[in-house]
Amino acid sequence: METIQTDVVIIGAGYAGIAAARKLQDAGKSFIVVEARDRIGGRVNTEKLACGATVDLGAQWIGPTQHHIWKWAKETNTETYDCYDTGKNILAWKNKISTYKGTIPKIDPISLIDLGIAIERINKLCKQIPLDAPWTHPKALEYDSMTLHTWMEKNMYTKKAKHLFNIGVETVFAAGAHEISFLHALFYCHSGDNMEALISIANGAQQTLIKGGTQGLLQKIAAPFQDKIYLNHPVLKISQDENGVTIESEKLSIRAKKCISTIPPALLNTIRFSPILPQRKAQLLQRVPMGAAMKCFCIYKTPFWRKQGFSGQIVSDTLPVRVTFDCTNKDDDFGVLLVFVEGHNARDFIEQPEAERKEKILNQLIGYFGEEARNILEYKDKCWTEEEFSRGCYAGNMPTGVLTQFGKTLREPFQHLHFAGTETAMRWNGYMDGAMESGFRAADEILRNY
């Protein structure tokens, strides 16, 4: 077993881990980053397909108020471009197809009012939730005792509005409304500005794409300390004593003064701790399941739907094509249509053979765009619940009762061990920018003690 000594060891080479490493490098501290996968990026994964198209199998969009990642993009001269949002969007409902423009589909006035009021109420309520401590809100226990679905059933009245609201929830959380605490939902919406921003392209979380993919940006930032990143080393044990911490993988032992863990709560349970974690922290880790997100890419010679006047965006009540986006790369000849499958639908869909998944998606797209949708160059899908070192995406979600009982332990250090990762972020929790915030914060905690 190889043994290394350093000031700080960082577990995980995603956006949180690389942000922490960058902060420590700028401060002149020695560090090592250990990563379980054979690549950096974590839940960010850019891949070039056989046909030549490049796709982001994991996180891909950045929004206008995600200042950390925008700073990196500008620093590295990384080109960005707006997600295509021109033309007619498609709404498929009860075997009828209609078109609309903007974020909210064109539906009957009563359902539209119902949906609009619900989103407005969420936006108003979420602004009242403290981002640093949601559990301190005067109604925290009340909100944390109900699911988002419970709130929806009490405050929404039309089937169509509820259905569209649910689709929005699945797209934002990669989970159903019944799986999420209402307090967590409000915190999450405030963390990302508001609910409208989370579901929007223009001025929203899906506004901008990074040319060449999000993993490329991370590789640029990590390049100066590439030699300090150890891949293929899943951490098995973390031991602490008065003088520091020891991190062990199968073939590597790292002795450090401090440690930053950036992996999601659910995966921390796979590591042995000596001494064991405090009981409240351990109980938290048992209660934060990962969302389930599946990305299905259909690659075409060109984005042919644009010539037909369509944006490539679909909202449907029929599986598997519930939500789609045009993710065609800038200056690329390919047409890239992304189909999202989320929550329990993703868990069900991944269990079907790939050829069957492809056929079902194509048949549905043909119904919307015509026979030209059959002429696919390549199909590629990715379900993050199958990833050994993620076991889900986009992030860990809080069910009822978790934030009020255990939330304060999310960011609390334990002896020499500090916790980061997008699940611990105050702003843009669940996103790349939130991961960066958490990495900077954990590094600052350590630097303040030096």
Protein backbone atom coordinates (compact mmCIF):
# COMPACT_ATOMS: atom_id res chain seq x y z
CA MET A 1 0.00 0.00 0.00
CA GLU A 2 1.31 3.43 -1.01
CA THR A 3 1.47 5.97 1.83
CA ILE A 4 1.29 9.74 1.31
CA GLN A 5 1.40 12.68 3.69
CA THR A 6 -0.22 16.05 2.97
CA ASP A 7 -1.96 18.98 4.64
CA VAL A 8 -5.47 18.23 3.35
CA VAL A 9 -7.03 15.24 1.64
CA ILE A 10 -10.15 15.81 -0.47
CA ILE A 11 -12.53 12.96 -1.23
CA GLY A 12 -14.18 13.35 -4.63
CA ALA A 13 -13.03 15.11 -7.82
CA GLY A 14 -16.32 16.66 -8.88
CA TYR A 15 -17.00 20.38 -8.93
CA ALA A 16 -17.00 20.54 -5.10
CA GLY A 17 -13.68 18.70 -4.73
CA ILE A 18 -11.91 20.65 -7.47
CA ALA A 19 -13.24 23.95 -6.04
CA ALA A 20 -11.80 23.04 -2.63
CA ALA A 21 -8.51 22.00 -4.23
CA ARG A 22 -8.29 25.25 -6.17
CA LYS A 23 -8.88 27.28 -2.99
CA LEU A 24 -6.17 25.36 -1.11
CA GLN A 25 -3.75 25.68 -4.00
CA ASP A 26 -4.23 29.45 -4.07
CA ALA A 27 -3.54 29.49 -0.31
CA GLY A 28 -0.30 27.54 -0.76
CA LYS A 29 -1.44 24.42 1.11
CA SER A 30 -0.51 20.90 0.10
CA PHE A 31 -3.39 18.57 -0.74
CA ILE A 32 -4.37 15.32 -2.40
CA VAL A 33 -7.66 14.59 -4.17
CA VAL A 34 -8.83 10.95 -4.17
CA GLU A 35 -11.51 9.93 -6.63
CA ALA A 36 -13.31 6.60 -6.90
CA ARG A 37 -13.96 6.85 -10.64
CA ASP A 38 -11.49 6.67 -13.50
CA ARG A 39 -12.21 10.32 -14.35
CA ILE A 40 -12.83 13.64 -12.66
CA GLY A 41 -16.29 15.21 -12.71
CA GLY A 42 -18.48 13.12 -10.43
CA ARG A 43 -22.06 13.72 -11.53
CA VAL A 44 -20.67 15.71 -14.46
CA ASN A 45 -19.77 13.50 -17.40
CA THR A 46 -19.17 14.72 -20.97
CA GLU A 47 -18.85 12.05 -23.63
CA LYS A 48 -18.10 12.09 -27.35
CA LEU A 49 -20.34 9.57 -29.10
CA ALA A 50 -19.46 7.27 -31.99
CA CYS A 51 -21.24 9.57 -34.45
CA GLY A 52 -19.04 12.48 -33.37
CA ALA A 53 -21.56 14.40 -31.29
CA THR A 54 -20.64 15.54 -27.77
CA VAL A 55 -23.21 15.21 -24.99
CA ASP A 56 -23.34 15.94 -21.28
CA LEU A 57 -24.63 12.76 -19.66
CA GLY A 58 -24.75 14.52 -16.30
CA ALA A 59 -25.16 18.14 -15.23
CA GLN A 60 -25.03 20.54 -18.18
CA TRP A 61 -26.83 23.90 -17.82
CA ILE A 62 -25.80 27.05 -16.00
CA GLY A 63 -28.07 29.93 -15.03
CA PRO A 64 -27.52 33.70 -14.88
CA THR A 65 -27.15 33.91 -11.07
CA GLN A 66 -24.72 30.99 -10.77
CA HIS A 67 -21.78 33.32 -10.25
CA HIS A 68 -19.10 30.80 -9.23
CA ILE A 69 -19.23 28.75 -12.41
CA TRP A 70 -19.56 31.84 -14.60
CA LYS A 71 -16.34 33.14 -13.04
CA TRP A 72 -14.55 29.93 -13.98
CA ALA A 73 -15.95 30.03 -17.51
CA LYS A 74 -14.66 33.57 -18.01
CA GLU A 75 -11.31 32.84 -16.36
CA THR A 76 -10.66 29.92 -18.72
CA ASN A 77 -12.10 31.68 -21.80
CA THR A 78 -14.66 28.88 -22.08
CA GLU A 79 -17.30 29.65 -24.68
CA THR A 80 -20.96 29.42 -23.72
CA TYR A 81 -24.17 29.67 -25.69
CA ASP A 82 -27.85 29.92 -24.93
CA CYS A 83 -30.03 26.82 -24.96
CA TYR A 84 -32.27 26.92 -28.05
CA ASP A 85 -35.58 28.46 -27.04
CA THR A 86 -37.10 29.70 -30.28
CA GLY A 87 -40.29 28.48 -31.94
CA LYS A 88 -43.27 26.47 -30.85
CA ASN A 89 -43.24 24.22 -27.78
CA ILE A 90 -45.43 21.12 -27.80
CA LEU A 91 -48.00 20.18 -25.17
CA ALA A 92 -49.40 16.64 -25.42
CA TRP A 93 -52.41 16.12 -23.18
CA LYS A 94 -55.18 13.48 -23.32
CA ASN A 95 -54.15 12.37 -26.84
CA LYS A 96 -54.36 15.95 -28.12
CA ILE A 97 -51.36 17.99 -29.28
CA SER A 98 -51.18 21.77 -29.04
CA THR A 99 -48.38 24.33 -29.23
CA TYR A 100 -47.39 27.28 -27.08
CA LYS A 101 -44.52 29.67 -26.39
CA GLY A 102 -42.85 30.51 -23.10
CA THR A 103 -42.44 28.44 -19.95
CA ILE A 104 -46.09 27.76 -19.07
CA PRO A 105 -48.14 25.70 -21.58
CA LYS A 106 -51.29 27.12 -23.12
CA ILE A 107 -54.09 25.43 -21.18
CA ASP A 108 -57.65 26.29 -20.26
CA PRO A 109 -57.99 29.54 -18.23
CA ILE A 110 -59.08 27.90 -14.96
CA SER A 111 -56.18 25.42 -14.96
CA LEU A 112 -53.77 28.19 -15.99
CA ILE A 113 -54.88 30.39 -13.10
CA ASP A 114 -54.62 27.42 -10.72
CA LEU A 115 -51.08 26.66 -11.87
CA GLY A 116 -50.00 30.30 -11.85
CA ILE A 117 -51.28 30.89 -8.31
CA ALA A 118 -49.52 27.74 -7.05
CA ILE A 119 -46.17 28.81 -8.51
CA GLU A 120 -46.66 32.34 -7.16
CA ARG A 121 -47.38 30.98 -3.68
CA ILE A 122 -44.32 28.75 -3.77
CA ASN A 123 -42.18 31.70 -4.86
CA LYS A 124 -43.53 33.87 -2.04
CA LEU A 125 -43.18 31.20 0.66
CA CYS A 126 -39.69 30.10 -0.39
CA LYS A 127 -38.24 33.59 0.01
CA GLN A 128 -39.06 33.38 3.73
CA ILE A 129 -36.92 30.25 4.28
CA PRO A 130 -33.44 31.01 5.71
CA LEU A 131 -30.88 29.50 3.35
CA ASP A 132 -28.33 28.89 6.11
CA ALA A 133 -30.80 27.25 8.49
CA PRO A 134 -34.22 26.30 7.01
CA TRP A 135 -35.11 24.51 10.25
CA THR A 136 -35.26 27.84 12.12
CA HIS A 137 -38.27 29.15 10.18
CA PRO A 138 -41.29 29.67 12.52
CA LYS A 139 -43.31 27.14 10.50
CA ALA A 140 -40.41 24.77 9.84
CA LEU A 141 -41.96 21.85 11.74
CA GLU A 142 -45.31 22.31 10.01
CA TYR A 143 -43.72 22.49 6.57
CA ASP A 144 -41.36 19.60 7.29
CA SER A 145 -44.24 17.40 8.45
CA MET A 146 -45.88 17.43 5.02
CA THR A 147 -44.73 16.47 1.55
CA LEU A 148 -44.79 18.79 -1.43
CA HIS A 149 -47.60 16.56 -2.75
CA THR A 150 -49.65 17.19 0.41
CA TRP A 151 -49.32 20.95 -0.07
CA MET A 152 -50.24 20.63 -3.74
CA GLU A 153 -53.39 18.64 -2.97
CA LYS A 154 -54.47 21.27 -0.42
CA ASN A 155 -53.74 24.28 -2.59
CA MET A 156 -54.42 23.20 -6.19
CA TYR A 157 -57.78 22.23 -7.64
CA THR A 158 -57.59 21.21 -11.32
CA LYS A 159 -56.19 17.93 -12.65
CA LYS A 160 -54.32 19.55 -15.52
CA ALA A 161 -52.62 22.13 -13.28
CA LYS A 162 -51.62 19.42 -10.79
CA HIS A 163 -50.24 17.25 -13.58
CA LEU A 164 -48.14 20.05 -15.09
CA PHE A 165 -46.95 21.06 -11.61
CA ASN A 166 -45.88 17.45 -10.99
CA ILE A 167 -43.93 17.35 -14.25
CA GLY A 168 -42.14 20.52 -13.18
CA VAL A 169 -41.36 18.99 -9.78
CA GLU A 170 -39.95 15.83 -11.37
CA THR A 171 -37.81 17.91 -13.73
CA VAL A 172 -36.40 19.98 -10.85
CA PHE A 173 -35.91 17.28 -8.18
CA ALA A 174 -35.70 14.02 -10.19
CA ALA A 175 -38.24 12.74 -7.69
CA GLY A 176 -41.99 12.81 -7.14
CA ALA A 177 -43.70 15.46 -5.03
CA HIS A 178 -44.72 12.75 -2.55
CA GLU A 179 -41.04 11.95 -1.85
CA ILE A 180 -39.99 15.45 -0.80
CA SER A 181 -40.54 17.48 2.36
CA PHE A 182 -42.37 20.74 1.70
CA LEU A 183 -39.72 22.53 3.78
CA HIS A 184 -36.98 21.05 1.61
CA ALA A 185 -38.88 22.05 -1.55
CA LEU A 186 -39.18 25.65 -0.33
CA PHE A 187 -35.51 25.79 0.66
CA TYR A 188 -34.47 24.31 -2.70
CA CYS A 189 -36.56 26.82 -4.65
CA HIS A 190 -35.14 29.74 -2.65
CA SER A 191 -31.65 28.34 -3.11
CA GLY A 192 -32.14 28.52 -6.88
CA ASP A 193 -33.84 31.96 -6.83
CA ASN A 194 -37.44 30.66 -7.09
CA MET A 195 -39.49 27.86 -8.63
CA GLU A 196 -40.01 29.75 -11.88
CA ALA A 197 -36.25 30.11 -12.34
CA LEU A 198 -35.73 26.40 -11.75
CA ILE A 199 -38.15 25.38 -14.52
CA SER A 200 -37.23 28.11 -17.03
CA ILE A 201 -34.77 28.44 -19.88
CA ALA A 202 -34.69 32.22 -20.37
CA ASN A 203 -33.31 33.80 -17.17
CA GLY A 204 -33.52 30.37 -15.56
CA ALA A 205 -31.51 27.32 -14.59
CA GLN A 206 -31.58 25.95 -18.16
CA GLN A 207 -30.49 29.16 -19.91
CA THR A 208 -26.88 28.48 -20.91
CA LEU A 209 -24.76 25.58 -22.14
CA ILE A 210 -20.98 25.24 -22.10
CA LYS A 211 -19.37 24.61 -25.47
CA GLY A 212 -17.54 21.29 -25.34
CA GLY A 213 -19.34 20.21 -22.17
CA THR A 214 -19.21 20.87 -18.46
CA GLN A 215 -16.48 18.31 -17.79
CA GLY A 216 -14.12 20.21 -20.09
CA LEU A 217 -14.39 23.33 -17.94
CA LEU A 218 -13.55 21.32 -14.83
CA GLN A 219 -10.54 19.74 -16.55
CA LYS A 220 -9.17 23.20 -17.37
CA ILE A 221 -9.43 24.28 -13.73
CA ALA A 222 -7.87 21.04 -12.47
CA ALA A 223 -5.01 20.98 -15.01
CA PRO A 224 -2.45 22.82 -12.79
CA PHE A 225 -2.77 20.20 -10.04
CA GLN A 226 -3.54 17.12 -12.13
CA ASP A 227 -0.65 15.27 -10.50
CA LYS A 228 -2.36 15.61 -7.10
CA ILE A 229 -5.53 13.81 -8.22
CA TYR A 230 -5.56 10.05 -7.61
CA LEU A 231 -8.19 8.25 -9.69
CA ASN A 232 -9.61 4.75 -9.17
CA HIS A 233 -9.33 4.94 -5.39
CA PRO A 234 -12.71 4.45 -3.67
CA VAL A 235 -12.26 5.42 -0.01
CA LEU A 236 -12.96 2.53 2.35
CA LYS A 237 -12.08 3.96 5.76
CA ILE A 238 -11.56 7.30 7.52
CA SER A 239 -9.67 7.20 10.83
CA GLN A 240 -9.10 10.19 13.08
CA ASP A 241 -6.93 10.91 16.13
CA GLU A 242 -5.73 14.00 17.96
CA ASN A 243 -3.19 14.90 15.30
CA GLY A 244 -5.05 14.31 12.09
CA VAL A 245 -6.88 11.95 9.78
CA THR A 246 -5.99 8.86 7.71
CA ILE A 247 -7.86 8.00 4.52
CA GLU A 248 -7.56 4.46 3.20
CA SER A 249 -8.46 2.94 -0.13
CA GLU A 250 -7.54 -0.56 -1.25
CA LYS A 251 -4.05 0.51 -2.37
CA LEU A 252 -3.55 3.95 -0.89
CA SER A 253 -3.15 5.44 2.60
CA ILE A 254 -3.12 9.22 2.99
CA ARG A 255 -2.23 10.92 6.24
CA ALA A 256 -3.39 14.53 6.53
CA LYS A 257 -4.15 17.24 9.06
CA LYS A 258 -7.64 17.76 7.65
CA CYS A 259 -10.08 16.04 5.30
CA ILE A 260 -12.89 17.36 3.09
CA SER A 261 -15.53 14.89 1.95
CA THR A 262 -17.56 16.00 -1.07
CA ILE A 263 -19.51 12.81 -1.75
CA PRO A 264 -23.32 12.75 -1.31
CA PRO A 265 -24.81 11.67 2.04
CA ALA A 266 -26.06 8.34 0.70
CA LEU A 267 -22.53 7.30 -0.31
CA LEU A 268 -20.92 8.35 2.97
CA ASN A 269 -22.68 5.32 4.43
CA THR A 270 -20.35 3.09 2.38
CA ILE A 271 -17.30 4.30 4.32
CA ARG A 272 -16.13 3.00 7.72
CA PHE A 273 -15.36 5.69 10.30
CA SER A 274 -13.12 5.43 13.33
CA PRO A 275 -14.27 6.88 15.61
CA ILE A 276 -17.77 6.43 14.28
CA LEU A 277 -19.76 9.48 13.18
CA PRO A 278 -21.91 11.28 15.77
CA GLN A 279 -25.31 9.62 16.03
CA ARG A 280 -27.25 12.57 14.61
CA LYS A 281 -24.96 12.79 11.57
CA ALA A 282 -25.23 9.02 11.05
CA GLN A 283 -29.02 9.23 11.28
CA LEU A 284 -29.02 12.00 8.68
CA LEU A 285 -27.04 9.88 6.23
CA GLN A 286 -29.68 7.17 6.47
CA ARG A 287 -32.41 9.59 5.42
CA VAL A 288 -31.22 11.44 2.29
CA PRO A 289 -32.00 9.31 -0.79
CA MET A 290 -30.73 10.28 -4.22
CA GLY A 291 -33.08 11.39 -6.95
CA ALA A 292 -33.46 9.24 -10.07
CA ALA A 293 -32.69 10.91 -13.39
CA MET A 294 -32.27 9.39 -16.82
CA LYS A 295 -31.05 11.32 -19.84
CA CYS A 296 -31.88 9.93 -23.27
CA PHE A 297 -30.15 11.58 -26.23
CA CYS A 298 -31.37 11.28 -29.80
CA ILE A 299 -28.72 12.46 -32.27
CA TYR A 300 -29.78 13.59 -35.74
CA LYS A 301 -27.88 14.89 -38.76
CA THR A 302 -29.41 18.32 -38.16
CA PRO A 303 -31.93 19.84 -35.71
CA PHE A 304 -34.69 19.28 -38.26
CA TRP A 305 -37.48 20.35 -35.87
CA ARG A 306 -36.25 23.93 -36.10
CA LYS A 307 -37.11 24.04 -39.80
CA GLN A 308 -40.62 22.97 -38.83
CA GLY A 309 -40.85 25.94 -36.46
CA PHE A 310 -40.46 23.89 -33.25
CA SER A 311 -38.21 24.64 -30.28
CA GLY A 312 -37.63 20.96 -29.53
CA GLN A 313 -39.35 21.37 -26.15
CA ILE A 314 -42.13 18.93 -25.31
CA VAL A 315 -44.30 18.58 -22.22
CA SER A 316 -46.37 15.40 -22.33
CA ASP A 317 -48.63 13.28 -20.15
CA THR A 318 -47.38 10.15 -21.93
CA LEU A 319 -44.30 8.15 -21.02
CA PRO A 320 -41.44 7.95 -21.68
CA VAL A 321 -41.25 11.35 -23.42
CA ARG A 322 -42.46 13.71 -20.67
CA VAL A 323 -39.97 16.57 -21.05
CA THR A 324 -37.50 17.36 -23.86
CA PHE A 325 -34.92 20.03 -24.71
CA ASP A 326 -32.93 20.98 -27.79
CA CYS A 327 -29.33 20.56 -26.63
CA THR A 328 -27.70 20.99 -30.02
CA ASN A 329 -24.11 22.17 -29.63
CA LYS A 330 -23.15 25.57 -30.95
CA ASP A 331 -21.38 25.45 -34.34
CA ASP A 332 -22.14 21.72 -34.55
CA ASP A 333 -23.91 20.16 -37.50
CA PHE A 334 -25.67 17.58 -35.34
CA GLY A 335 -29.18 17.93 -33.94
CA VAL A 336 -29.29 16.83 -30.29
CA LEU A 337 -32.66 16.20 -28.68
CA LEU A 338 -32.64 15.37 -24.97
CA VAL A 339 -35.46 13.39 -23.36
CA PHE A 340 -35.64 13.46 -19.56
CA VAL A 341 -37.09 10.51 -17.63
CA GLU A 342 -37.19 11.08 -13.88
CA GLY A 343 -38.28 9.75 -10.52
CA HIS A 344 -39.99 6.35 -10.42
CA ASN A 345 -40.39 6.55 -14.22
CA ALA A 346 -36.61 6.47 -14.59
CA ARG A 347 -36.32 3.49 -12.25
CA ASP A 348 -38.90 1.62 -14.32
CA PHE A 349 -37.58 2.68 -17.73
CA ILE A 350 -33.97 1.63 -17.12
CA GLU A 351 -35.10 -1.93 -16.44
CA GLN A 352 -36.29 -2.26 -20.04
CA PRO A 353 -33.76 -3.36 -22.72
CA GLU A 354 -31.95 -0.47 -24.41
CA ALA A 355 -33.35 -1.33 -27.85
CA GLU A 356 -36.85 -1.18 -26.38
CA ARG A 357 -36.15 2.15 -24.71
CA LYS A 358 -34.89 3.60 -27.97
CA GLU A 359 -37.89 2.31 -29.93
CA LYS A 360 -40.43 3.72 -27.47
CA ILE A 361 -38.83 7.15 -27.47
CA LEU A 362 -38.50 7.30 -31.24
CA ASN A 363 -42.10 6.20 -31.82
CA GLN A 364 -43.31 8.99 -29.56
CA LEU A 365 -41.07 11.61 -31.20
CA ILE A 366 -42.35 10.55 -34.62
CA GLY A 367 -45.84 11.32 -33.37
CA TYR A 368 -44.75 14.88 -32.60
CA PHE A 369 -42.29 15.69 -35.38
CA GLY A 370 -43.19 13.26 -38.17
CA GLU A 371 -41.21 10.55 -39.93
CA GLU A 372 -38.04 12.62 -40.00
CA ALA A 373 -37.65 11.80 -36.31
CA ARG A 374 -37.01 8.17 -37.29
CA ASN A 375 -33.74 9.06 -39.07
CA ILE A 376 -31.55 8.90 -35.99
CA LEU A 377 -27.75 8.76 -36.16
CA GLU A 378 -27.25 7.50 -32.64
CA TYR A 379 -29.15 6.90 -29.41
CA LYS A 380 -27.45 7.21 -26.04
CA ASP A 381 -29.02 7.08 -22.60
CA LYS A 382 -27.67 7.24 -19.08
CA CYS A 383 -29.41 6.38 -15.81
CA TRP A 384 -27.55 7.67 -12.78
CA THR A 385 -29.12 5.21 -10.38
CA GLU A 386 -26.84 2.61 -11.98
CA GLU A 387 -23.68 4.64 -11.27
CA GLU A 388 -21.81 2.90 -8.46
CA PHE A 389 -20.35 6.13 -7.11
CA SER A 390 -23.51 8.25 -7.46
CA ARG A 391 -26.47 5.86 -7.14
CA GLY A 392 -28.71 8.65 -8.36
CA CYS A 393 -28.99 12.21 -9.55
CA TYR A 394 -29.32 15.17 -9.48
CA ALA A 395 -28.81 15.27 -5.71
CA GLY A 396 -29.94 13.90 -2.37
CA ASN A 397 -33.50 14.96 -1.49
CA MET A 398 -34.88 15.48 2.00
CA PRO A 399 -38.04 13.56 2.92
CA THR A 400 -40.31 14.75 5.73
CA GLY A 401 -38.79 15.26 9.17
CA VAL A 402 -35.15 15.31 8.06
CA LEU A 403 -34.29 19.01 7.91
CA THR A 404 -35.87 19.90 11.25
CA GLN A 405 -34.27 16.98 13.12
CA PHE A 406 -30.92 16.59 11.39
CA GLY A 407 -30.38 19.54 9.05
CA LYS A 408 -27.97 21.40 11.32
CA THR A 409 -25.47 18.51 11.00
CA LEU A 410 -25.24 18.84 7.20
CA ARG A 411 -22.24 21.18 7.28
CA GLU A 412 -20.97 20.59 10.83
CA PRO A 413 -17.35 19.35 10.86
CA PHE A 414 -16.52 16.22 12.84
CA GLN A 415 -13.08 16.54 14.43
CA HIS A 416 -10.74 16.95 11.40
CA LEU A 417 -13.39 16.00 8.86
CA HIS A 418 -15.27 18.70 6.92
CA PHE A 419 -18.29 18.15 4.69
CA ALA A 420 -18.95 19.62 1.26
CA GLY A 421 -20.88 18.54 -1.82
CA THR A 422 -23.83 20.21 -3.53
CA GLU A 423 -26.25 18.80 -0.93
CA THR A 424 -24.60 21.09 1.66
CA ALA A 425 -24.83 24.27 -0.44
CA MET A 426 -26.92 27.26 0.55
CA ARG A 427 -27.14 28.77 -2.93
CA TRP A 428 -27.92 26.61 -5.95
CA ASN A 429 -28.15 23.45 -3.87
CA GLY A 430 -28.20 20.45 -6.22
CA TYR A 431 -26.35 22.26 -9.02
CA MET A 432 -22.72 22.59 -10.11
CA ASP A 433 -22.57 26.13 -8.76
CA GLY A 434 -23.79 24.90 -5.38
CA ALA A 435 -21.11 22.21 -5.42
CA MET A 436 -18.49 24.89 -6.00
CA GLU A 437 -19.86 27.03 -3.15
CA SER A 438 -19.62 24.06 -0.81
CA GLY A 439 -16.03 23.30 -1.80
CA PHE A 440 -14.94 26.89 -1.27
CA ARG A 441 -16.74 26.99 2.10
CA ALA A 442 -15.14 23.76 3.38
CA ALA A 443 -11.68 24.94 2.30
CA ASP A 444 -12.27 28.27 4.08
CA GLU A 445 -13.20 26.41 7.28
CA ILE A 446 -9.82 24.69 7.19
CA LEU A 447 -7.84 27.77 6.23
CA ARG A 448 -9.31 29.76 9.11
CA ASN A 449 -7.72 27.28 11.52
CA TYR A 450 -4.24 27.60 10.03
